[in-house]
Protein backbone atom coordinates (compact mmCIF):
# COMPACT_ATOMS: atom_id res chain seq x y z
CA MET A 1 -38.38 29.89 50.45
CA LEU A 2 -36.80 33.36 48.60
CA LEU A 3 -35.33 35.49 51.26
CA LYS A 4 -34.58 39.28 49.75
CA THR A 5 -30.68 39.63 49.44
CA PRO A 6 -28.27 40.78 50.71
CA TYR A 7 -28.25 39.84 54.38
CA LEU A 8 -27.29 41.38 57.49
CA LEU A 9 -25.97 38.57 59.77
CA PHE A 10 -26.82 39.16 63.41
CA ILE A 11 -24.37 37.06 65.42
CA GLY A 12 -25.92 39.26 68.77
CA ASP A 13 -24.38 37.99 72.23
CA ALA A 14 -22.88 34.68 70.89
CA VAL A 15 -21.23 32.72 74.28
CA ASP A 16 -18.93 31.12 71.73
CA PRO A 17 -17.91 30.50 67.84
CA LEU A 18 -19.96 27.77 67.37
CA ALA A 19 -22.96 29.28 68.63
CA ALA A 20 -22.82 31.29 65.65
CA LYS A 21 -22.40 28.44 63.16
CA VAL A 22 -25.61 29.59 61.22
CA ALA A 23 -23.65 33.05 60.41
CA GLN A 24 -20.62 31.31 59.95
CA GLY A 25 -22.35 28.78 57.24
CA ILE A 26 -24.11 31.56 55.03
CA LYS A 27 -20.63 33.57 55.18
CA ASP A 28 -18.85 30.37 53.86
CA TRP A 29 -21.16 29.44 51.75
CA ARG A 30 -22.94 32.06 50.24
CA PRO A 31 -20.43 35.48 50.72
CA GLU A 32 -21.79 37.00 47.97
CA PHE A 33 -25.14 37.54 50.14
CA CYS A 34 -23.24 39.33 53.09
CA VAL A 35 -22.98 42.78 53.29
CA GLY A 36 -21.67 42.60 57.67
CA GLN A 37 -22.84 41.41 60.54
CA PHE A 38 -24.23 43.02 63.85
CA ARG A 39 -22.50 42.09 67.39
CA GLN A 40 -23.74 43.02 70.74
CA GLU A 41 -21.81 43.45 73.61
CA GLY A 42 -20.04 40.80 74.75
CA CYS A 43 -20.12 38.67 71.74
CA LYS A 44 -17.49 36.19 71.13
CA ALA A 45 -18.13 35.20 67.40
CA ASP A 46 -16.34 37.16 64.65
CA MET A 47 -17.38 36.53 60.36
CA GLY A 48 -14.33 38.43 59.72
CA ILE A 49 -16.91 41.16 57.53
CA PRO A 50 -17.57 44.69 58.29
CA GLU A 51 -19.43 45.68 61.46
CA LEU A 52 -22.49 47.40 60.31
CA SER A 53 -25.27 49.24 62.30
CA ILE A 54 -28.72 48.80 60.85
CA GLU A 55 -28.71 52.17 59.35
CA GLU A 56 -25.28 51.72 57.97
CA ALA A 57 -26.57 48.10 56.46
CA VAL A 58 -29.24 49.67 55.09
CA ALA A 59 -27.09 51.97 53.25
CA ALA A 60 -25.08 49.14 51.89
CA GLY A 61 -28.58 47.63 50.45
CA ALA A 62 -29.26 45.03 53.06
CA LYS A 63 -32.74 43.64 52.64
CA THR A 64 -32.74 40.74 55.41
CA LEU A 65 -31.38 40.52 58.91
CA VAL A 66 -30.39 36.60 59.47
CA VAL A 67 -30.93 35.63 62.99
CA GLY A 68 -27.34 33.89 62.58
CA VAL A 69 -26.96 32.79 65.84
CA ALA A 70 -28.35 29.64 67.72
CA ASN A 71 -28.59 29.22 71.35
CA ARG A 72 -29.23 26.28 73.79
CA GLY A 73 -32.98 25.72 72.86
CA GLY A 74 -33.35 28.18 70.25
CA VAL A 75 -34.90 31.22 71.94
CA ILE A 76 -35.42 34.38 70.73
CA SER A 77 -33.49 36.50 73.58
CA GLU A 78 -34.88 39.65 75.21
CA GLY A 79 -31.96 41.49 74.55
CA TRP A 80 -31.96 40.96 70.83
CA ILE A 81 -35.88 42.57 70.38
CA SER A 82 -34.65 46.03 70.44
CA VAL A 83 -32.31 45.16 67.57
CA PHE A 84 -34.94 43.74 65.72
CA GLU A 85 -37.63 46.41 66.26
CA GLN A 86 -34.68 48.74 64.62
CA ALA A 87 -34.52 46.56 61.56
CA LEU A 88 -38.37 46.29 60.74
CA ARG A 89 -38.33 49.88 61.15
CA ALA A 90 -35.53 50.94 58.54
CA GLY A 91 -37.39 48.56 56.03
CA MET A 92 -35.75 44.91 56.54
CA ASP A 93 -37.42 41.46 56.43
CA ILE A 94 -36.25 39.41 59.53
CA ALA A 95 -35.56 35.50 59.03
CA SER A 96 -34.98 33.12 61.53
CA GLY A 97 -34.33 29.51 62.36
CA LEU A 98 -35.03 29.37 66.42
CA HIS A 99 -37.56 27.56 67.75
CA ASN A 100 -38.57 30.50 69.22
CA LEU A 101 -40.90 31.98 66.34
CA LEU A 102 -40.79 35.43 65.13
CA ARG A 103 -44.41 35.34 64.37
CA ASP A 104 -44.78 34.66 67.81
CA GLU A 105 -43.71 38.17 68.77
CA PRO A 106 -46.38 40.85 69.34
CA ARG A 107 -44.19 43.85 68.79
CA LEU A 108 -42.33 42.08 66.04
CA VAL A 109 -45.48 41.02 64.51
CA LYS A 110 -47.16 44.90 65.22
CA LEU A 111 -43.98 46.64 63.31
CA ALA A 112 -43.84 43.98 60.19
CA LYS A 113 -47.08 45.07 59.42
CA GLU A 114 -46.56 48.59 59.63
CA HIS A 115 -43.49 48.62 57.68
CA GLY A 116 -44.55 45.98 55.35
CA CYS A 117 -41.80 44.06 56.14
CA GLU A 118 -41.68 39.83 56.55
CA LEU A 119 -40.74 37.79 59.30
CA ILE A 120 -39.30 34.42 58.03
CA ASP A 121 -39.41 31.93 60.24
CA VAL A 122 -37.53 28.97 58.54
CA ARG A 123 -38.21 25.93 61.19
CA ILE A 124 -41.71 25.57 60.69
CA PRO A 125 -42.54 22.76 58.31
CA GLN A 126 -44.17 23.61 55.26
CA VAL A 127 -45.53 19.93 54.30
CA ASP A 128 -47.55 17.54 56.08
CA TYR A 129 -45.36 14.81 55.94
CA PRO A 130 -45.66 11.14 55.67
CA ILE A 131 -45.09 8.29 58.06
CA ALA A 132 -41.81 6.48 56.75
CA ASN A 133 -42.73 3.34 54.68
CA GLY A 134 -39.06 1.76 54.54
CA ILE A 135 -39.27 1.16 51.16
CA THR A 136 -36.62 1.20 48.93
CA ARG A 137 -36.06 4.17 46.41
CA ARG A 138 -34.66 4.50 43.14
CA GLY A 139 -31.10 6.70 43.14
CA LYS A 140 -28.40 7.29 46.02
CA ARG A 141 -27.97 8.75 49.28
CA CYS A 142 -25.25 9.74 51.55
CA LEU A 143 -25.55 10.93 55.15
CA ALA A 144 -22.87 12.56 57.60
CA VAL A 145 -22.91 10.81 60.67
CA GLY A 146 -21.11 12.38 63.70
CA THR A 147 -19.26 11.75 66.87
CA ASP A 148 -20.84 15.23 68.39
CA CYS A 149 -23.43 18.00 67.52
CA SER A 150 -21.83 20.89 64.97
CA VAL A 151 -18.63 18.95 64.07
CA GLY A 152 -18.88 19.73 60.37
CA LYS A 153 -21.90 17.38 58.70
CA MET A 154 -23.05 19.98 56.92
CA TYR A 155 -19.99 21.53 55.90
CA THR A 156 -18.92 17.68 54.38
CA ALA A 157 -22.05 17.38 52.52
CA ILE A 158 -21.71 20.70 50.83
CA ALA A 159 -18.23 20.04 49.78
CA MET A 160 -19.09 17.02 48.54
CA GLU A 161 -22.00 18.80 46.38
CA LYS A 162 -19.45 21.07 45.08
CA SER A 163 -16.87 18.42 43.92
CA MET A 164 -19.14 16.43 42.72
CA ARG A 165 -21.12 18.58 40.42
CA GLU A 166 -17.47 20.41 39.22
CA LYS A 167 -16.77 16.91 38.08
CA GLY A 168 -20.16 16.52 35.74
CA ARG A 169 -21.95 14.09 38.59
CA LYS A 170 -25.48 14.14 39.33
CA ALA A 171 -25.72 15.54 43.10
CA THR A 172 -27.97 17.21 45.47
CA PHE A 173 -27.18 18.49 48.82
CA LYS A 174 -30.39 17.93 50.90
CA ALA A 175 -30.45 20.72 53.68
CA THR A 176 -32.24 19.23 57.38
CA GLY A 177 -31.48 22.02 59.75
CA GLN A 178 -31.85 25.82 59.76
CA THR A 179 -28.27 26.94 58.35
CA GLY A 180 -28.84 24.53 55.14
CA ILE A 181 -32.12 25.91 54.19
CA LEU A 182 -31.06 29.49 54.33
CA ILE A 183 -28.13 28.92 52.24
CA THR A 184 -30.39 26.67 50.10
CA GLY A 185 -33.82 27.94 50.50
CA ASP A 186 -35.16 24.60 50.59
CA GLY A 187 -34.94 21.55 52.71
CA VAL A 188 -36.50 19.77 55.98
CA PRO A 189 -36.41 21.58 59.43
CA LEU A 190 -35.93 18.32 61.02
CA ASP A 191 -35.90 18.86 64.65
CA ALA A 192 -39.47 21.09 64.20
CA VAL A 193 -41.16 17.62 62.85
CA ILE A 194 -43.14 15.76 65.30
CA ALA A 195 -41.47 12.61 65.66
CA ASP A 196 -43.73 9.81 64.26
CA PHE A 197 -43.04 11.88 61.03
CA MET A 198 -39.17 12.98 61.16
CA ALA A 199 -38.18 9.66 59.37
CA GLY A 200 -40.78 9.99 56.47
CA SER A 201 -40.01 13.85 56.24
CA ILE A 202 -36.30 12.50 55.23
CA GLU A 203 -37.97 9.50 52.99
CA TYR A 204 -40.03 12.95 51.46
CA LEU A 205 -36.89 15.28 51.00
CA THR A 206 -34.86 12.12 49.14
CA PRO A 207 -37.36 10.33 46.79
CA ASP A 208 -36.89 8.36 43.63
CA ASN A 209 -34.30 9.97 41.54
CA ASP A 210 -32.05 8.96 38.51
CA ASP A 211 -29.81 5.43 39.44
CA ASP A 212 -26.74 7.66 39.38
CA HIS A 213 -27.87 10.59 41.26
CA TRP A 214 -26.72 10.97 45.16
CA ASP A 215 -28.81 12.98 47.66
CA LEU A 216 -26.06 13.88 50.04
CA ILE A 217 -28.00 14.53 53.23
CA GLU A 218 -27.35 16.59 55.99
CA GLY A 219 -26.49 15.48 59.54
CA GLN A 220 -27.78 16.38 62.76
CA GLY A 221 -26.47 15.78 65.89
CA SER A 222 -25.24 12.63 67.08
CA LEU A 223 -26.13 9.07 68.08
CA PHE A 224 -24.21 9.74 70.94
CA HIS A 225 -25.70 12.79 72.32
CA PRO A 226 -28.29 12.29 74.58
CA SER A 227 -30.05 15.62 73.75
CA TYR A 228 -30.18 14.80 69.83
CA SER A 229 -29.67 11.29 69.15
CA GLY A 230 -33.32 10.91 68.08
CA VAL A 231 -33.11 13.52 65.34
CA THR A 232 -30.10 11.35 63.89
CA LEU A 233 -31.89 8.15 63.93
CA ALA A 234 -34.63 9.44 62.37
CA LEU A 235 -32.43 10.75 59.44
CA VAL A 236 -30.57 7.15 59.56
CA HIS A 237 -33.78 5.18 59.13
CA GLY A 238 -35.44 7.67 56.67
CA GLY A 239 -32.46 8.49 54.19
CA ALA A 240 -31.89 4.62 53.90
CA PRO A 241 -28.23 5.78 53.13
CA ASP A 242 -25.89 3.72 50.40
CA ALA A 243 -23.08 5.56 51.76
CA LEU A 244 -21.99 6.93 55.12
CA ILE A 245 -19.13 9.55 56.33
CA LEU A 246 -17.76 9.80 59.59
CA CYS A 247 -17.61 13.47 60.75
CA HIS A 248 -15.68 14.23 63.78
CA GLU A 249 -14.14 17.64 65.74
CA PRO A 250 -10.68 16.46 67.43
CA THR A 251 -10.27 18.79 70.08
CA ARG A 252 -13.48 18.28 72.25
CA GLU A 253 -13.45 17.72 75.52
CA HIS A 254 -16.88 16.63 75.98
CA MET A 255 -20.20 16.67 74.03
CA ARG A 256 -21.68 20.04 72.76
CA GLY A 257 -23.56 21.27 75.90
CA LEU A 258 -23.22 17.94 78.19
CA PRO A 259 -19.61 18.45 80.22
CA GLY A 260 -20.35 14.85 81.60
CA TYR A 261 -20.39 13.15 78.05
CA SER A 262 -17.07 12.15 76.48
CA LEU A 263 -17.34 12.07 72.41
CA PRO A 264 -17.24 8.29 71.09
CA SER A 265 -14.20 7.21 69.20
CA LEU A 266 -14.72 6.98 65.37
CA LYS A 267 -14.39 3.00 65.59
CA GLN A 268 -17.60 3.23 67.81
CA LEU A 269 -19.53 5.72 65.26
CA GLN A 270 -18.73 3.70 62.52
CA ARG A 271 -19.98 0.61 64.46
CA THR A 272 -23.40 1.90 65.53
CA ALA A 273 -24.25 4.37 62.73
CA LEU A 274 -23.52 1.11 60.21
CA GLU A 275 -25.62 -1.33 62.02
CA LEU A 276 -28.58 1.13 62.75
CA ALA A 277 -28.38 2.16 58.56
CA GLN A 278 -28.26 -1.59 57.64
CA VAL A 279 -31.43 -2.21 59.20
CA VAL A 280 -32.98 -0.06 56.19
CA ASN A 281 -30.20 -0.62 53.88
CA PRO A 282 -28.27 -3.69 54.13
CA ASP A 283 -25.80 -2.77 51.37
CA CYS A 284 -24.69 0.19 53.20
CA LYS A 285 -21.10 1.21 53.69
CA VAL A 286 -18.77 3.60 55.55
CA VAL A 287 -16.91 4.97 52.76
CA GLY A 288 -14.66 7.92 54.30
CA VAL A 289 -13.97 10.00 57.22
CA SER A 290 -14.54 14.07 57.51
CA ILE A 291 -12.26 15.69 60.06
CA ASN A 292 -12.87 19.79 61.70
CA THR A 293 -9.58 20.71 61.60
CA SER A 294 -10.27 24.45 62.42
CA GLN A 295 -8.60 24.48 65.32
CA LEU A 296 -5.26 22.74 64.26
CA ASP A 297 -2.70 24.57 62.34
CA ASP A 298 -1.35 22.86 58.82
CA GLU A 299 1.07 20.29 60.24
CA ALA A 300 -1.06 19.04 62.84
CA ALA A 301 -4.16 18.83 60.70
CA ILE A 302 -2.05 16.72 58.39
CA ALA A 303 -0.66 14.52 61.19
CA LEU A 304 -3.83 13.83 62.51
CA LEU A 305 -5.71 13.17 59.18
CA GLU A 306 -2.44 10.47 58.28
CA GLN A 307 -2.82 9.12 61.46
CA VAL A 308 -6.96 8.70 61.61
CA GLU A 309 -6.35 7.45 58.05
CA SER A 310 -4.14 4.90 58.98
CA GLU A 311 -6.18 3.79 61.80
CA MET A 312 -9.86 3.66 60.08
CA GLY A 313 -8.77 2.35 56.92
CA LEU A 314 -10.76 5.41 54.88
CA PRO A 315 -10.53 8.27 53.06
CA THR A 316 -9.76 10.90 55.59
CA ILE A 317 -9.74 14.69 54.79
CA ASP A 318 -11.01 18.07 56.05
CA PRO A 319 -13.31 18.71 52.99
CA PHE A 320 -13.59 22.34 54.05
CA ARG A 321 -9.72 22.81 54.07
CA GLN A 322 -8.59 20.68 51.57
CA GLY A 323 -11.50 20.45 48.98
CA ALA A 324 -13.96 17.12 48.98
CA ASP A 325 -12.82 15.50 46.10
CA ARG A 326 -11.66 12.22 48.16
CA LEU A 327 -14.84 11.38 49.71
CA ALA A 328 -16.69 12.33 46.72
CA ASP A 329 -14.70 9.78 44.55
CA ALA A 330 -15.01 7.15 47.35
CA LEU A 331 -19.01 7.03 46.50
CA ALA A 332 -17.91 6.29 43.04
CA GLU A 333 -16.03 3.23 44.24
């Protein structure tokens, strides 16, 4: 998948910053691709980049409007359509990772054809994936698992890849969701894969490799989240990880989207994830903890990281704030 760059990030009417995690991920990891953002009235997210109209974005060179908002259920809001129509009339492609597909919107299909533009749905599997077979593969694999959704699993894996490559080690970030795919241009849209083939798609994504090569697999959902635990388990069993990184956001009062469910402790996550991972890889180990401290000031963040490290007995860092060297080094031990 090759998207025309640069991008205008469409944040729409995002109800909070987490709802714009797609835009945030692209802005953080591919800032050179982003000319600006388009926000609608009531939007509660801000990437801190220029606020542009469609016309201004085109004048600035934007080639693709990227849907950077991910609402519950992944649907295209009726209130977004007029903006998408403006973009197509201005000659921009549109890329989306939502479940509700651009190609299923007749008005957009008609305009795209008239103006020679592309509608790019990245959440459509491009491969006929096999059913998982559980056969041991060469190479090494690390999976980020979380206490909840949207706690920093993708950021952790990308930061670890960056650290390892800077040190000359063999490492590849493996995207399994829309944001990761939009950042890298490749991957498996796991939550759009038919259930019987989910684990097989991750085996396909992480095939045999050099013995000293690490695939750093982007985590999804949480084993403890009633809505999305199935996707997480497919990653655990399909990835057959040699190493697990535990990911957590410490200020959450409840599971994302589920006020009636509290988050598990890191100890609970460690026990459950490791037991399930060892079903397919008995040698799997938990090697580190990644804490998303974005809602904490420096002093509070450092204190929390030190506390968790003492309690867990594992290297504990915020890889986006501090760099991922300690987590990357833990893979070599």
